[in-house]
Amino acid sequence: MKNNNFRKSGLAIAMMAAMGASAGANAAIELYNEDGTSFSVDGYFNAFYVNRDDKVADVRNSDVKMGFLPNTIGFNFSKEMGDLTLGGRSSFWSTINDSLQSPTDTAIDVRQLYATVDGSFGQVLIGKDFGLYARSNIFLDEILMGFGSPGAATGVSFGNIRTGYPYPNPSAQITYRTPDMGGLNVAAGIFEPANTTPGAQSEQSAPRFEAEVTYSADLNGVALTGWVNGRHQSSENATTKIDSRGVGYGVKAAVAGLSLTASGFTSKGDAPVLITDGALASEEDADGYLVQASYTLGANRFVLSYGETDSDQGNFETENMSVAVFHDVNSNFKLVAEYNMFEQEAKSTGVKTADANTLALGAVVMF
């Protein structure tokens, strides 16, 4: 049995989903493979010219910045030890958006640093990796390699985070994955819980629990993928207890060059963007959905995307529509043209807090 840790990484899933199954063959550069031991390196680099018309602030900004996925270098290890295969991955995600805000002081975000043990029983992962809740929602997003909805005028873009799905926070975890069972795969794990009730005597007496079930099949030439995922955790202090829980789900169907995807989530007491220490204050509701269509014609992929999130927890309603064209110059070089229309309003007042149209023209290089 030979393990491929890069294939299981979040970046690999994202690249294969956006480029097709052939991306796996070009996803990493193998530097060593002898006597059951392998070492490989993968990379993802991108930059976009971004022109943003902010109608609420009545300003227009032009920037050169990265897209939804940061620039990344990853290292992958694998060693066969009898009936087991030991592996590991470390990836370093970095921004190019800090050019003038903090020159020569680029932060490095270590989103993955884990080891794996594979055997006939499946796989156990220990370390830091993306979460399971909303994992397939984001990794199967058709505009993952594009720009998506804007964040701050000079900050990172948000893709469809807050306009269709929350972010599967990279977290410390111990996760088990079953072997493939005829297209059915199950993953479940314990995660570092968030302190959502900071203050006197704050505690999280149990870990955060997350799980995901996916199923893939080919029915008379139609490739189907369905998934459901979720998480639950509790946090309390001397005066408050908050139970946070969420469920994500979706289905993707592809035939010939056409692909249709619909996904969504619903949560209670759970931040609809990302869960962090001190992020929550009540057990309010949130939900959202994302619908997408793409068509591949030769080297070009055309995408239409629309998503919404309604959050009592965050006191906002958002929507984002994206139209994008991805052109494969070759298997490692992609050009992107994308136009996004994003709106947000405060639920309590109905006041529009964001209304921005964004043109993003970029290039992606990967290996």
Protein backbone atom coordinates (compact mmCIF):
# COMPACT_ATOMS: atom_id res chain seq x y z
CA MET A 1 0.00 0.00 0.00
CA LYS A 2 1.43 3.38 -0.95
CA ASN A 3 0.15 6.52 0.78
CA ASN A 4 -0.13 9.88 -0.98
CA ASN A 5 -0.40 12.54 1.71
CA PHE A 6 -0.57 15.39 -0.76
CA ARG A 7 -3.67 13.85 -2.30
CA LYS A 8 -5.38 14.07 1.07
CA SER A 9 -4.36 17.66 1.80
CA GLY A 10 -6.78 20.55 1.60
CA LEU A 11 -4.77 22.30 -1.13
CA ALA A 12 -4.67 19.14 -3.24
CA ILE A 13 -8.43 18.69 -2.96
CA ALA A 14 -8.90 22.30 -3.95
CA MET A 15 -6.59 22.01 -6.95
CA MET A 16 -8.11 18.75 -8.19
CA ALA A 17 -11.64 20.07 -7.76
CA ALA A 18 -10.84 23.22 -9.71
CA MET A 19 -8.73 21.59 -12.43
CA GLY A 20 -10.14 18.08 -12.73
CA ALA A 21 -8.67 14.72 -11.76
CA SER A 22 -5.64 15.20 -14.04
CA ALA A 23 -4.32 17.83 -11.64
CA GLY A 24 -3.25 15.12 -9.24
CA ALA A 25 -0.52 13.99 -11.62
CA ASN A 26 0.92 17.51 -11.76
CA ALA A 27 0.22 18.51 -8.18
CA ALA A 28 3.66 17.97 -6.63
CA ILE A 29 7.31 17.60 -7.54
CA GLU A 30 8.71 14.33 -6.22
CA LEU A 31 12.25 14.90 -4.94
CA TYR A 32 12.91 11.47 -3.46
CA ASN A 33 11.36 8.01 -3.74
CA GLU A 34 13.55 5.13 -2.62
CA ASP A 35 13.01 2.03 -0.45
CA GLY A 36 9.45 2.94 0.51
CA THR A 37 10.31 6.52 1.49
CA SER A 38 9.20 9.56 -0.52
CA PHE A 39 9.44 13.32 -0.23
CA SER A 40 7.70 15.86 -2.46
CA VAL A 41 7.09 19.59 -2.66
CA ASP A 42 4.07 21.46 -4.01
CA GLY A 43 3.45 25.13 -4.57
CA TYR A 44 0.64 27.54 -5.45
CA PHE A 45 1.24 31.13 -6.52
CA ASN A 46 -1.20 33.75 -7.76
CA ALA A 47 -1.68 37.47 -8.23
CA PHE A 48 -4.65 39.55 -9.42
CA TYR A 49 -5.23 43.06 -10.65
CA VAL A 50 -8.30 44.06 -8.63
CA ASN A 51 -10.52 47.06 -9.35
CA ARG A 52 -13.17 47.54 -6.65
CA ASP A 53 -16.05 50.03 -6.78
CA ASP A 54 -17.31 50.55 -3.20
CA LYS A 55 -20.70 52.22 -3.55
CA VAL A 56 -21.29 52.67 0.19
CA ALA A 57 -18.00 54.48 0.81
CA ASP A 58 -18.16 56.05 -2.69
CA VAL A 59 -14.55 55.12 -3.46
CA ARG A 60 -12.80 53.06 -6.13
CA ASN A 61 -9.61 51.15 -5.37
CA SER A 62 -7.09 49.46 -7.66
CA ASP A 63 -4.83 46.84 -6.11
CA VAL A 64 -2.45 44.05 -7.02
CA LYS A 65 -3.14 41.25 -4.57
CA MET A 66 -3.65 37.50 -4.25
CA GLY A 67 -6.95 35.73 -4.77
CA PHE A 68 -9.03 33.66 -2.38
CA LEU A 69 -6.26 31.04 -1.95
CA PRO A 70 -2.99 32.46 -0.53
CA ASN A 71 0.40 31.69 -2.00
CA THR A 72 1.56 28.37 -0.57
CA ILE A 73 4.53 26.02 -0.29
CA GLY A 74 3.90 22.49 0.98
CA PHE A 75 6.18 19.59 1.94
CA ASN A 76 4.98 15.98 1.95
CA PHE A 77 6.57 12.91 3.55
CA SER A 78 5.75 9.21 3.31
CA LYS A 79 7.43 6.06 4.62
CA GLU A 80 6.22 2.48 4.40
CA MET A 81 6.73 0.55 7.63
CA GLY A 82 5.45 -3.00 7.28
CA ASP A 83 1.65 -2.91 7.16
CA LEU A 84 1.59 0.79 7.96
CA THR A 85 2.43 3.89 5.96
CA LEU A 86 3.58 6.87 7.99
CA GLY A 87 3.18 10.27 6.41
CA GLY A 88 3.20 13.95 7.12
CA ARG A 89 2.53 17.34 5.61
CA SER A 90 3.54 20.88 6.46
CA SER A 91 2.29 23.82 4.40
CA PHE A 92 3.10 27.50 4.70
CA TRP A 93 0.55 30.03 3.47
CA SER A 94 1.65 33.60 2.88
CA THR A 95 0.11 36.85 1.68
CA ILE A 96 1.32 39.33 -0.91
CA ASN A 97 -1.30 41.87 0.19
CA ASP A 98 0.95 43.53 2.79
CA SER A 99 3.31 45.16 0.28
CA LEU A 100 2.95 48.71 1.61
CA GLN A 101 1.13 48.15 4.91
CA SER A 102 4.05 46.24 6.48
CA PRO A 103 6.99 46.07 4.03
CA THR A 104 9.43 43.14 4.48
CA ASP A 105 7.27 41.83 7.31
CA THR A 106 5.13 39.19 5.55
CA ALA A 107 3.39 36.85 7.95
CA ILE A 108 3.55 33.07 7.43
CA ASP A 109 0.37 31.16 8.24
CA VAL A 110 0.99 27.48 9.00
CA ARG A 111 -2.43 25.97 8.20
CA GLN A 112 -1.24 22.37 7.96
CA LEU A 113 1.28 20.59 10.15
CA TYR A 114 0.27 16.98 10.70
CA ALA A 115 1.28 13.33 10.61
CA THR A 116 -0.76 10.43 9.26
CA VAL A 117 -0.83 6.70 9.91
CA ASP A 118 -2.43 4.65 7.12
CA GLY A 119 -3.33 0.98 7.18
CA SER A 120 -6.07 -1.44 6.21
CA PHE A 121 -8.15 0.21 8.98
CA GLY A 122 -8.10 3.61 7.23
CA GLN A 123 -6.17 6.67 8.35
CA VAL A 124 -5.48 8.51 11.59
CA LEU A 125 -4.34 12.15 11.34
CA ILE A 126 -2.70 13.97 14.25
CA GLY A 127 -1.73 17.64 14.17
CA LYS A 128 -3.17 20.74 12.53
CA ASP A 129 -5.32 20.64 9.38
CA PHE A 130 -8.51 22.16 7.98
CA GLY A 131 -11.69 21.27 9.85
CA LEU A 132 -14.33 18.82 8.65
CA TYR A 133 -17.33 21.15 9.06
CA ALA A 134 -17.89 23.00 5.74
CA ARG A 135 -14.79 21.28 4.30
CA SER A 136 -16.36 20.01 1.07
CA ASN A 137 -18.51 23.15 0.80
CA ILE A 138 -15.40 25.26 0.35
CA PHE A 139 -13.06 22.80 -1.41
CA LEU A 140 -15.65 22.09 -4.12
CA ASP A 141 -16.39 25.79 -4.69
CA GLU A 142 -16.09 26.48 -8.44
CA ILE A 143 -14.37 29.85 -7.85
CA LEU A 144 -11.87 28.57 -5.28
CA MET A 145 -8.96 29.53 -7.55
CA GLY A 146 -10.49 32.91 -8.27
CA PHE A 147 -11.17 35.96 -6.12
CA GLY A 148 -14.75 35.87 -4.83
CA SER A 149 -16.40 38.38 -2.53
CA PRO A 150 -14.11 41.16 -1.25
CA GLY A 151 -12.94 41.60 2.30
CA ALA A 152 -11.52 44.95 3.37
CA ALA A 153 -10.48 47.25 0.54
CA THR A 154 -6.81 46.31 1.02
CA GLY A 155 -7.25 42.96 2.80
CA VAL A 156 -7.79 39.36 1.73
CA SER A 157 -10.74 38.30 -0.39
CA PHE A 158 -13.34 36.04 1.19
CA GLY A 159 -14.37 33.84 -1.75
CA ASN A 160 -17.83 32.63 -0.70
CA ILE A 161 -17.08 32.65 3.04
CA ARG A 162 -20.06 34.56 4.58
CA THR A 163 -21.97 34.26 1.28
CA GLY A 164 -22.79 30.55 1.26
CA TYR A 165 -20.54 28.74 3.74
CA PRO A 166 -18.37 29.30 6.85
CA TYR A 167 -14.62 28.67 6.98
CA PRO A 168 -13.30 25.22 8.05
CA ASN A 169 -10.74 26.64 10.46
CA PRO A 170 -7.37 24.87 10.46
CA SER A 171 -7.29 23.44 13.98
CA ALA A 172 -5.37 21.06 16.22
CA GLN A 173 -7.10 17.71 15.86
CA ILE A 174 -7.05 13.91 16.02
CA THR A 175 -9.11 12.63 13.09
CA TYR A 176 -9.98 9.16 11.80
CA ARG A 177 -10.88 8.44 8.16
CA THR A 178 -12.32 5.15 6.95
CA PRO A 179 -11.01 3.34 3.89
CA ASP A 180 -12.98 4.03 0.73
CA MET A 181 -16.13 1.89 0.87
CA GLY A 182 -17.36 1.83 -2.72
CA GLY A 183 -17.40 5.63 -2.94
CA LEU A 184 -18.47 6.19 0.68
CA ASN A 185 -15.99 7.92 2.99
CA VAL A 186 -16.42 8.89 6.63
CA ALA A 187 -14.20 11.16 8.74
CA ALA A 188 -14.63 12.09 12.40
CA GLY A 189 -12.39 13.76 14.91
CA ILE A 190 -11.85 15.71 18.10
CA PHE A 191 -10.65 19.30 17.80
CA GLU A 192 -9.33 22.07 20.02
CA PRO A 193 -12.48 23.87 21.25
CA ALA A 194 -12.95 27.63 20.96
CA ASN A 195 -13.39 29.73 24.09
CA THR A 196 -16.67 31.37 23.09
CA THR A 197 -17.48 32.49 26.66
CA PRO A 198 -14.38 34.35 27.84
CA GLY A 199 -14.37 35.66 31.38
CA ALA A 200 -14.30 34.36 34.92
CA GLN A 201 -14.12 30.55 35.24
CA SER A 202 -14.33 30.03 31.48
CA GLU A 203 -14.03 26.37 30.52
CA GLN A 204 -14.51 23.89 27.72
CA SER A 205 -14.88 20.54 29.47
CA ALA A 206 -15.05 18.55 26.20
CA PRO A 207 -13.31 18.90 22.82
CA ARG A 208 -15.04 20.17 19.70
CA PHE A 209 -16.42 17.29 17.62
CA GLU A 210 -16.50 17.40 13.83
CA ALA A 211 -17.41 14.83 11.18
CA GLU A 212 -18.02 14.54 7.44
CA VAL A 213 -19.58 11.87 5.24
CA THR A 214 -19.03 11.97 1.47
CA TYR A 215 -20.26 9.72 -1.30
CA SER A 216 -19.20 9.65 -4.95
CA ALA A 217 -20.62 7.56 -7.78
CA ASP A 218 -20.86 7.45 -11.55
CA LEU A 219 -24.40 6.87 -12.82
CA ASN A 220 -24.53 6.31 -16.58
CA GLY A 221 -21.87 8.92 -17.23
CA VAL A 222 -23.08 11.39 -14.59
CA ALA A 223 -20.48 11.91 -11.85
CA LEU A 224 -22.23 12.56 -8.54
CA THR A 225 -20.73 13.73 -5.25
CA GLY A 226 -22.77 14.32 -2.12
CA TRP A 227 -21.72 15.29 1.39
CA VAL A 228 -22.90 16.21 4.87
CA ASN A 229 -20.69 17.54 7.65
CA GLY A 230 -21.08 19.09 11.07
CA ARG A 231 -19.57 20.21 14.35
CA HIS A 232 -20.57 20.65 18.00
CA GLN A 233 -18.91 22.18 21.02
CA SER A 234 -19.81 23.73 24.39
CA SER A 235 -18.21 26.59 26.28
CA GLU A 236 -19.21 28.15 29.58
CA ASN A 237 -18.14 30.65 32.19
CA ALA A 238 -19.55 31.71 35.54
CA THR A 239 -22.70 33.19 34.00
CA THR A 240 -23.15 31.82 30.47
CA LYS A 241 -23.11 28.53 28.57
CA ILE A 242 -23.07 28.43 24.76
CA ASP A 243 -23.64 25.29 22.72
CA SER A 244 -22.31 25.81 19.19
CA ARG A 245 -23.39 23.50 16.41
CA GLY A 246 -23.61 23.53 12.65
CA VAL A 247 -24.44 21.26 9.70
CA GLY A 248 -23.18 21.62 6.15
CA TYR A 249 -24.34 19.71 3.09
CA GLY A 250 -24.21 19.67 -0.69
CA VAL A 251 -24.34 17.80 -3.96
CA LYS A 252 -22.40 18.14 -7.20
CA ALA A 253 -23.33 16.58 -10.55
CA ALA A 254 -21.12 16.64 -13.64
CA VAL A 255 -21.77 15.29 -17.15
CA ALA A 256 -19.68 16.02 -20.22
CA GLY A 257 -18.48 19.61 -19.70
CA LEU A 258 -21.38 20.71 -17.50
CA SER A 259 -21.19 20.81 -13.70
CA LEU A 260 -23.94 21.85 -11.26
CA THR A 261 -23.33 22.35 -7.53
CA ALA A 262 -25.68 23.23 -4.68
CA SER A 263 -24.57 23.46 -1.05
CA GLY A 264 -25.67 25.04 2.19
CA PHE A 265 -25.34 25.17 5.96
CA THR A 266 -27.36 25.89 9.07
CA SER A 267 -26.00 26.64 12.52
CA LYS A 268 -26.91 27.79 16.00
CA GLY A 269 -24.56 29.59 18.36
CA ASP A 270 -21.87 29.18 15.73
CA ALA A 271 -20.08 32.01 13.92
CA PRO A 272 -21.13 31.89 10.22
CA VAL A 273 -17.70 33.11 9.09
CA LEU A 274 -15.14 31.42 11.36
CA ILE A 275 -15.11 30.21 14.95
CA THR A 276 -12.42 31.70 17.21
CA ASP A 277 -11.88 32.47 20.87
CA GLY A 278 -14.30 35.16 21.99
CA ALA A 279 -16.18 35.09 18.67
CA LEU A 280 -19.66 34.29 19.97
CA ALA A 281 -21.99 35.89 22.48
CA SER A 282 -25.30 34.07 22.10
CA GLU A 283 -26.98 30.98 20.63
CA GLU A 284 -28.45 32.74 17.59
CA ASP A 285 -29.18 31.11 14.22
CA ALA A 286 -27.41 31.39 10.87
CA ASP A 287 -27.89 29.70 7.50
CA GLY A 288 -26.77 30.07 3.93
CA TYR A 289 -26.59 28.46 0.53
CA LEU A 290 -24.50 28.49 -2.64
CA VAL A 291 -25.57 27.46 -6.15
CA GLN A 292 -23.14 27.24 -9.06
CA ALA A 293 -22.95 26.15 -12.67
CA SER A 294 -19.84 25.69 -14.75
CA TYR A 295 -19.17 24.60 -18.31
CA THR A 296 -15.81 23.47 -19.66
CA LEU A 297 -15.10 24.02 -23.34
CA GLY A 298 -11.60 23.06 -24.38
CA ALA A 299 -9.13 24.97 -22.21
CA ASN A 300 -11.82 27.31 -20.86
CA ARG A 301 -14.14 26.92 -17.88
CA PHE A 302 -17.07 29.34 -17.50
CA VAL A 303 -18.61 29.77 -14.02
CA LEU A 304 -21.77 31.40 -12.70
CA SER A 305 -22.09 31.51 -8.89
CA TYR A 306 -24.64 32.91 -6.42
CA GLY A 307 -24.63 32.65 -2.64
CA GLU A 308 -26.37 34.07 0.44
CA THR A 309 -25.90 34.00 4.21
CA ASP A 310 -28.46 35.13 6.80
CA SER A 311 -27.04 35.48 10.31
CA ASP A 312 -28.86 36.50 13.47
CA GLN A 313 -25.59 35.73 15.24
CA GLY A 314 -23.60 38.24 13.18
CA ASN A 315 -26.53 40.64 12.54
CA PHE A 316 -26.06 40.60 8.77
CA GLU A 317 -27.52 39.39 5.49
CA THR A 318 -25.19 38.99 2.53
CA GLU A 319 -25.36 37.97 -1.11
CA ASN A 320 -22.70 37.59 -3.78
CA MET A 321 -22.89 36.85 -7.50
CA SER A 322 -19.76 35.93 -9.44
CA VAL A 323 -19.15 35.43 -13.15
CA ALA A 324 -15.75 33.96 -14.02
CA VAL A 325 -13.69 32.50 -16.85
CA PHE A 326 -10.71 30.23 -16.15
CA HIS A 327 -8.30 29.54 -19.04
CA ASP A 328 -5.73 26.74 -18.80
CA VAL A 329 -2.59 27.78 -20.65
CA ASN A 330 -1.24 24.38 -19.59
CA SER A 331 -1.69 22.03 -16.62
CA ASN A 332 0.39 24.29 -14.35
CA PHE A 333 -0.58 27.78 -15.54
CA LYS A 334 -4.04 29.32 -15.43
CA LEU A 335 -5.49 32.76 -16.33
CA VAL A 336 -8.58 34.08 -14.54
CA ALA A 337 -11.10 36.84 -15.28
CA GLU A 338 -13.83 37.39 -12.71
CA TYR A 339 -16.55 39.92 -11.86
CA ASN A 340 -18.25 39.95 -8.44
CA MET A 341 -21.27 41.82 -7.07
CA PHE A 342 -21.43 41.77 -3.26
CA GLU A 343 -24.01 43.30 -0.91
CA GLN A 344 -24.44 43.23 2.87
CA GLU A 345 -26.94 44.83 5.21
CA ALA A 346 -27.47 44.91 8.97
CA LYS A 347 -30.47 42.75 9.92
CA SER A 348 -31.45 44.88 12.91
CA THR A 349 -31.69 48.14 10.95
CA GLY A 350 -31.91 47.15 7.28
CA VAL A 351 -29.07 49.58 6.56
CA LYS A 352 -26.78 48.53 3.68
CA THR A 353 -23.26 48.23 5.06
CA ALA A 354 -21.54 47.03 1.89
CA ASP A 355 -22.23 47.30 -1.83
CA ALA A 356 -19.20 46.57 -3.98
CA ASN A 357 -18.57 45.48 -7.54
CA THR A 358 -15.13 43.95 -8.13
CA LEU A 359 -13.22 43.13 -11.32
CA ALA A 360 -10.35 40.69 -10.79
CA LEU A 361 -7.88 39.67 -13.52
CA GLY A 362 -5.22 37.22 -12.47
CA ALA A 363 -2.81 34.39 -13.09
CA VAL A 364 -2.16 31.17 -11.16
CA VAL A 365 0.99 29.05 -11.28
CA MET A 366 1.12 25.72 -9.46
CA PHE A 367 3.26 22.64 -9.22
